[in-house]
């Protein structure tokens, strides 16, 4: 039996169309109300065009330190997802190593 889930992202923009507030909510989340966040990255694979479409947003008040931590964690999350999707442990490890180097360079590890 199939079912449907929904993920909703709401972005409040200022007069220059820059994100002031970002919230997300998912039907299969533990949160009953929208959850605020300061950065959002969505990538989708278009098989017909053989390309990735992406939406990358961040609020004006996110700090560079927070953005650095966000990217550090995204690199590691990508490695884990890549391993689950491809079962290619060697490349997943290389992505983790890149993330570790990124983190070391920025003093996150």
Protein backbone atom coordinates (compact mmCIF):
# COMPACT_ATOMS: atom_id res chain seq x y z
CA UNK A 1 0.00 0.00 0.00
CA UNK A 2 1.47 3.38 -0.93
CA UNK A 3 1.14 6.51 1.10
CA UNK A 4 2.11 10.12 0.72
CA UNK A 5 4.33 12.32 2.87
CA UNK A 6 4.81 16.06 2.61
CA UNK A 7 7.72 18.36 3.44
CA UNK A 8 6.94 22.05 3.53
CA UNK A 9 9.45 24.91 3.62
CA UNK A 10 8.23 28.43 4.31
CA UNK A 11 10.48 31.40 3.61
CA UNK A 12 9.75 34.96 4.78
CA UNK A 13 11.49 37.48 2.50
CA UNK A 14 12.45 41.10 3.10
CA UNK A 15 11.90 43.90 0.58
CA UNK A 16 15.01 42.81 -1.35
CA UNK A 17 13.75 39.19 -1.53
CA UNK A 18 16.40 38.00 0.94
CA UNK A 19 15.36 35.30 3.42
CA UNK A 20 14.59 36.70 6.86
CA UNK A 21 13.08 33.53 8.32
CA UNK A 22 13.02 29.90 7.14
CA UNK A 23 10.83 27.19 8.68
CA UNK A 24 10.27 23.59 7.69
CA UNK A 25 7.65 21.04 8.60
CA UNK A 26 7.18 17.41 7.58
CA UNK A 27 4.18 15.16 7.95
CA UNK A 28 6.41 12.38 9.28
CA UNK A 29 8.35 14.52 11.75
CA UNK A 30 8.21 14.44 15.54
CA UNK A 31 7.51 18.20 15.50
CA UNK A 32 3.93 19.40 15.59
CA UNK A 33 4.79 22.96 14.57
CA UNK A 34 7.11 24.41 11.92
CA UNK A 35 10.78 24.26 12.91
CA UNK A 36 12.91 27.35 12.34
CA UNK A 37 16.24 27.01 10.57
CA UNK A 38 18.84 29.43 9.23
CA UNK A 39 20.02 27.49 6.17
CA UNK A 40 18.35 25.16 3.73
CA UNK A 41 19.81 23.13 0.88
CA UNK A 42 17.66 21.03 -1.42
CA UNK A 43 19.04 19.07 -4.37
CA UNK A 44 16.88 17.01 -6.69
CA UNK A 45 17.97 14.76 -9.55
CA UNK A 46 16.25 15.35 -12.90
CA UNK A 47 16.74 12.01 -14.68
CA UNK A 48 15.36 13.30 -17.97
CA UNK A 49 17.82 16.18 -18.14
CA UNK A 50 20.59 14.28 -16.34
CA UNK A 51 21.25 17.20 -14.01
CA UNK A 52 20.78 18.36 -10.46
CA UNK A 53 18.46 21.23 -9.62
CA UNK A 54 19.11 22.95 -6.31
CA UNK A 55 17.70 25.53 -3.96
CA UNK A 56 20.16 26.95 -1.44
CA UNK A 57 18.87 29.53 1.03
CA UNK A 58 20.17 31.06 4.23
CA UNK A 59 18.96 33.86 6.44
CA UNK A 60 20.78 37.15 6.80
CA UNK A 61 21.49 36.43 10.46
CA UNK A 62 23.30 33.09 10.05
CA UNK A 63 26.88 33.31 11.26
CA UNK A 64 29.86 32.17 9.25
CA UNK A 65 30.66 29.75 12.10
CA UNK A 66 27.20 28.21 11.79
CA UNK A 67 27.53 27.98 8.00
CA UNK A 68 30.93 26.29 8.41
CA UNK A 69 29.44 23.75 10.82
CA UNK A 70 26.48 23.22 8.50
CA UNK A 71 28.72 22.43 5.52
CA UNK A 72 30.98 20.19 7.65
CA UNK A 73 27.95 18.15 8.72
CA UNK A 74 26.47 18.13 5.18
CA UNK A 75 29.70 16.65 3.76
CA UNK A 76 29.52 13.79 6.27
CA UNK A 77 25.79 13.31 5.70
CA UNK A 78 26.43 13.16 1.93
CA UNK A 79 29.07 10.47 2.49
CA UNK A 80 26.65 8.38 4.55
CA UNK A 81 23.85 8.81 2.00
CA UNK A 82 26.20 7.98 -0.87
CA UNK A 83 27.25 4.77 0.89
CA UNK A 84 23.63 3.71 1.47
CA UNK A 85 22.69 4.51 -2.14
CA UNK A 86 25.70 2.94 -3.90
CA UNK A 87 27.35 0.62 -1.40
CA UNK A 88 30.67 2.14 -2.55
CA UNK A 89 32.58 2.34 0.73
CA UNK A 90 35.81 3.57 -0.89
CA UNK A 91 34.25 6.72 -2.35
CA UNK A 92 32.14 7.31 0.77
CA UNK A 93 35.36 7.21 2.80
CA UNK A 94 36.95 9.75 0.45
CA UNK A 95 34.00 12.09 0.97
CA UNK A 96 34.36 11.65 4.75
CA UNK A 97 38.08 12.41 4.49
CA UNK A 98 37.33 15.57 2.52
CA UNK A 99 34.83 16.58 5.23
CA UNK A 100 37.43 15.89 7.92
CA UNK A 101 39.98 18.05 6.12
CA UNK A 102 37.41 20.82 5.73
CA UNK A 103 36.62 20.59 9.46
CA UNK A 104 40.29 20.56 10.46
CA UNK A 105 41.07 23.58 8.29
CA UNK A 106 38.25 25.54 9.91
CA UNK A 107 39.01 24.34 13.46
CA UNK A 108 35.81 22.32 13.76
CA UNK A 109 37.49 19.08 14.77
